[in-house]
Structures are given as structure tokens and as C-alpha cells.
């Protein structure tokens, strides 16, 4: 039997210092808003995770320290900002072929690559200092395991 997303994160957190808090599942209205505002479909694995928890919060010493996975509303807001902000457009290559869903806490962002407008499963890191975009893992499962373990 395959573990749920919460189960996978729970197993992975045993290796790390942080704990993780889960949110309520995504609603049908939030799914519609995501698709309407971003004009794309959800990455299959991300939607599957959101059906269990609409975002995952990292906790260290009983304090929230950031998101392991952003809630869907933040995915929408951050991606629209990256695509529309004139200042960002003037210094970085376009972001239209990425769907950001998490950040490192240091300015770098994690994203699914969009291929012909549809999300793939590969996950990339965008480095805000040199504008590089590098594939780091092939699936959201791998991303979570590596991120929680402190390898990313």
C-alpha cells in the first residue's frame, strides 16, 4: 500500500530537524481559481498532495519557519508576481515556463517546468542570484524526501 503524502512527509521528517504541520485539503473553488488565474492545469502530484493538505508548514522549536510546500493561493500569487512584475522582467529571463510551488527561504524558488503550457513532473531550482534554472529531482516525492532530509 502506498503511503499518503502526510505519511511520506512524516517518514521523511524523522531524518530532519523540523516538524511539519498540515493544512485543510484544497477546495473545488480553490482548484477552479488556480486554473482560471494561472491558465494551466495542476501538476498531478501537487494536486494529489493538495487533496490531503493545501500546503505544508515547517516548524522548528514550536515556531513556523516557512513552507515546505506553499498553499495553492500562494502558488497563484507568487507565479502571477513573477510573470507580471516589470522589475523582475527587466533583470531575469521569463518565468512563463515554470510553476513555482516552494522557496528555499534564501530567495531561490522551486518549480515544476511547464512544457507547452502543461506541467511536467521534473522539479527545478531557480537561483535568484544568477538566474540559473537547474533540474534537481524528477518527482515531488523525491523533492519532499530530499528537502526534508536537508539535501536540497
Protein backbone atom coordinates (compact mmCIF):
# COMPACT_ATOMS: atom_id res chain seq x y z
CA UNK A 1 0.00 0.00 0.00
CA UNK A 2 1.33 3.40 -0.98
CA UNK A 3 1.71 5.97 1.78
CA UNK A 4 -0.33 9.15 1.75
CA UNK A 5 1.50 12.46 1.33
CA UNK A 6 1.18 13.07 5.05
CA UNK A 7 2.66 9.63 5.67
CA UNK A 8 5.58 10.27 3.29
CA UNK A 9 6.34 13.61 4.94
CA UNK A 10 6.00 12.03 8.37
CA UNK A 11 8.51 9.32 7.47
CA UNK A 12 10.91 11.81 5.90
CA UNK A 13 10.79 14.21 8.86
CA UNK A 14 12.28 11.54 11.11
CA UNK A 15 15.61 12.29 9.38
CA UNK A 16 15.38 16.08 9.69
CA UNK A 17 15.28 18.68 12.44
CA UNK A 18 11.97 20.28 11.52
CA UNK A 19 8.44 19.06 12.07
CA UNK A 20 5.63 19.74 9.63
CA UNK A 21 2.07 20.94 10.04
CA UNK A 22 -0.66 20.13 7.56
CA UNK A 23 -3.47 22.35 6.33
CA UNK A 24 -7.05 21.60 5.33
CA UNK A 25 -7.44 19.95 1.90
CA UNK A 26 -7.89 22.15 -1.15
CA UNK A 27 -11.47 23.02 -2.07
CA UNK A 28 -13.08 22.77 -5.51
CA UNK A 29 -13.30 26.60 -5.54
CA UNK A 30 -9.55 26.88 -4.90
CA UNK A 31 -8.86 24.41 -7.72
CA UNK A 32 -11.01 26.47 -10.11
CA UNK A 33 -9.32 29.72 -9.03
CA UNK A 34 -5.86 28.20 -9.57
CA UNK A 35 -6.72 27.01 -13.09
CA UNK A 36 -8.54 30.23 -14.01
CA UNK A 37 -5.91 32.66 -12.74
CA UNK A 38 -2.82 30.79 -13.95
CA UNK A 39 -4.39 29.34 -17.12
CA UNK A 40 -2.79 25.93 -16.52
CA UNK A 41 -3.65 22.56 -15.05
CA UNK A 42 -2.27 21.44 -11.72
CA UNK A 43 0.77 19.19 -11.76
CA UNK A 44 -0.72 15.78 -10.97
CA UNK A 45 1.42 15.14 -7.89
CA UNK A 46 0.85 18.63 -6.48
CA UNK A 47 -2.92 18.31 -6.83
CA UNK A 48 -2.75 14.92 -5.14
CA UNK A 49 -0.86 16.48 -2.22
CA UNK A 50 -3.30 19.42 -2.04
CA UNK A 51 -6.22 17.00 -1.86
CA UNK A 52 -4.72 15.93 1.50
CA UNK A 53 -3.24 19.23 2.66
CA UNK A 54 -3.29 22.62 0.96
CA UNK A 55 0.27 23.45 1.91
CA UNK A 56 2.80 22.12 4.40
CA UNK A 57 4.32 24.37 7.07
CA UNK A 58 7.78 23.74 8.54
CA UNK A 59 8.08 24.08 12.32
CA UNK A 60 11.27 24.29 14.37
CA UNK A 61 11.20 24.65 18.16
CA UNK A 62 7.42 25.22 18.03
CA UNK A 63 7.77 28.18 15.63
CA UNK A 64 6.70 28.31 11.99
CA UNK A 65 9.83 28.81 9.90
CA UNK A 66 8.33 28.71 6.41
CA UNK A 67 6.54 26.46 3.99
CA UNK A 68 7.78 23.12 2.73
CA UNK A 69 5.02 23.41 0.10
CA UNK A 70 3.13 26.67 -0.42
CA UNK A 71 -0.67 26.68 -0.15
CA UNK A 72 -2.39 26.98 -3.53
CA UNK A 73 -3.29 30.67 -3.07
CA UNK A 74 0.42 31.48 -2.58
CA UNK A 75 1.34 29.47 -5.68
CA UNK A 76 -1.10 31.62 -7.66
CA UNK A 77 0.06 34.94 -6.17
CA UNK A 78 3.79 34.24 -6.45
CA UNK A 79 3.57 32.95 -10.02
CA UNK A 80 1.50 35.93 -11.14
CA UNK A 81 4.02 38.27 -9.49
CA UNK A 82 6.95 36.59 -11.22
CA UNK A 83 5.20 36.72 -14.59
CA UNK A 84 3.93 40.31 -14.34
CA UNK A 85 6.46 42.30 -12.31
CA UNK A 86 8.24 44.78 -14.62
CA UNK A 87 11.33 44.93 -12.42
CA UNK A 88 11.72 41.15 -12.48
CA UNK A 89 11.15 41.11 -16.25
CA UNK A 90 13.97 43.61 -16.73
CA UNK A 91 16.62 41.52 -14.95
CA UNK A 92 15.57 37.88 -15.38
CA UNK A 93 14.62 35.56 -18.23
CA UNK A 94 10.83 34.98 -18.46
CA UNK A 95 9.21 32.73 -15.87
CA UNK A 96 6.25 31.63 -18.02
CA UNK A 97 7.63 28.11 -18.39
CA UNK A 98 7.81 27.46 -14.63
CA UNK A 99 5.26 26.91 -11.89
CA UNK A 100 6.80 27.88 -8.55
CA UNK A 101 5.44 26.00 -5.52
CA UNK A 102 8.03 26.48 -2.77
CA UNK A 103 11.07 28.53 -1.84
CA UNK A 104 14.35 27.89 -0.08
CA UNK A 105 13.99 30.74 2.39
CA UNK A 106 17.03 32.43 0.83
CA UNK A 107 15.43 33.80 -2.35
CA UNK A 108 15.71 30.71 -4.54
CA UNK A 109 12.47 29.10 -5.75
CA UNK A 110 11.41 25.54 -6.56
CA UNK A 111 9.25 24.90 -9.61
CA UNK A 112 7.70 22.43 -11.97
CA UNK A 113 8.73 23.07 -15.55
CA UNK A 114 5.87 23.78 -17.95
CA UNK A 115 6.17 22.10 -21.34
CA UNK A 116 3.84 23.55 -23.97
CA UNK A 117 1.83 25.05 -21.10
CA UNK A 118 1.43 21.75 -19.22
CA UNK A 119 3.35 20.90 -16.06
CA UNK A 120 5.84 18.08 -16.16
CA UNK A 121 6.97 16.13 -13.10
CA UNK A 122 10.59 17.35 -13.02
CA UNK A 123 11.42 19.87 -10.34
CA UNK A 124 13.84 22.73 -10.86
CA UNK A 125 15.52 25.25 -8.63
CA UNK A 126 15.72 28.85 -9.81
CA UNK A 127 18.73 30.68 -8.40
CA UNK A 128 17.81 34.32 -7.87
CA UNK A 129 21.44 35.46 -7.94
CA UNK A 130 22.46 34.17 -11.37
CA UNK A 131 19.03 33.36 -12.90
CA UNK A 132 20.03 29.73 -13.45
CA UNK A 133 17.32 27.09 -13.62
CA UNK A 134 18.55 23.61 -12.78
CA UNK A 135 16.67 20.33 -12.59
CA UNK A 136 17.16 18.85 -9.12
CA UNK A 137 14.76 15.89 -8.88
CA UNK A 138 12.30 14.04 -11.09
CA UNK A 139 9.23 13.98 -8.82
CA UNK A 140 7.51 15.77 -5.96
CA UNK A 141 8.07 12.65 -3.82
CA UNK A 142 11.82 12.96 -4.35
CA UNK A 143 11.72 16.71 -3.71
CA UNK A 144 9.99 16.26 -0.36
CA UNK A 145 12.33 13.48 0.74
CA UNK A 146 15.45 15.45 -0.23
CA UNK A 147 14.16 18.77 1.14
CA UNK A 148 13.05 17.32 4.48
CA UNK A 149 16.33 15.42 4.77
CA UNK A 150 18.25 18.68 4.24
CA UNK A 151 19.82 17.63 0.94
CA UNK A 152 18.19 20.46 -1.04
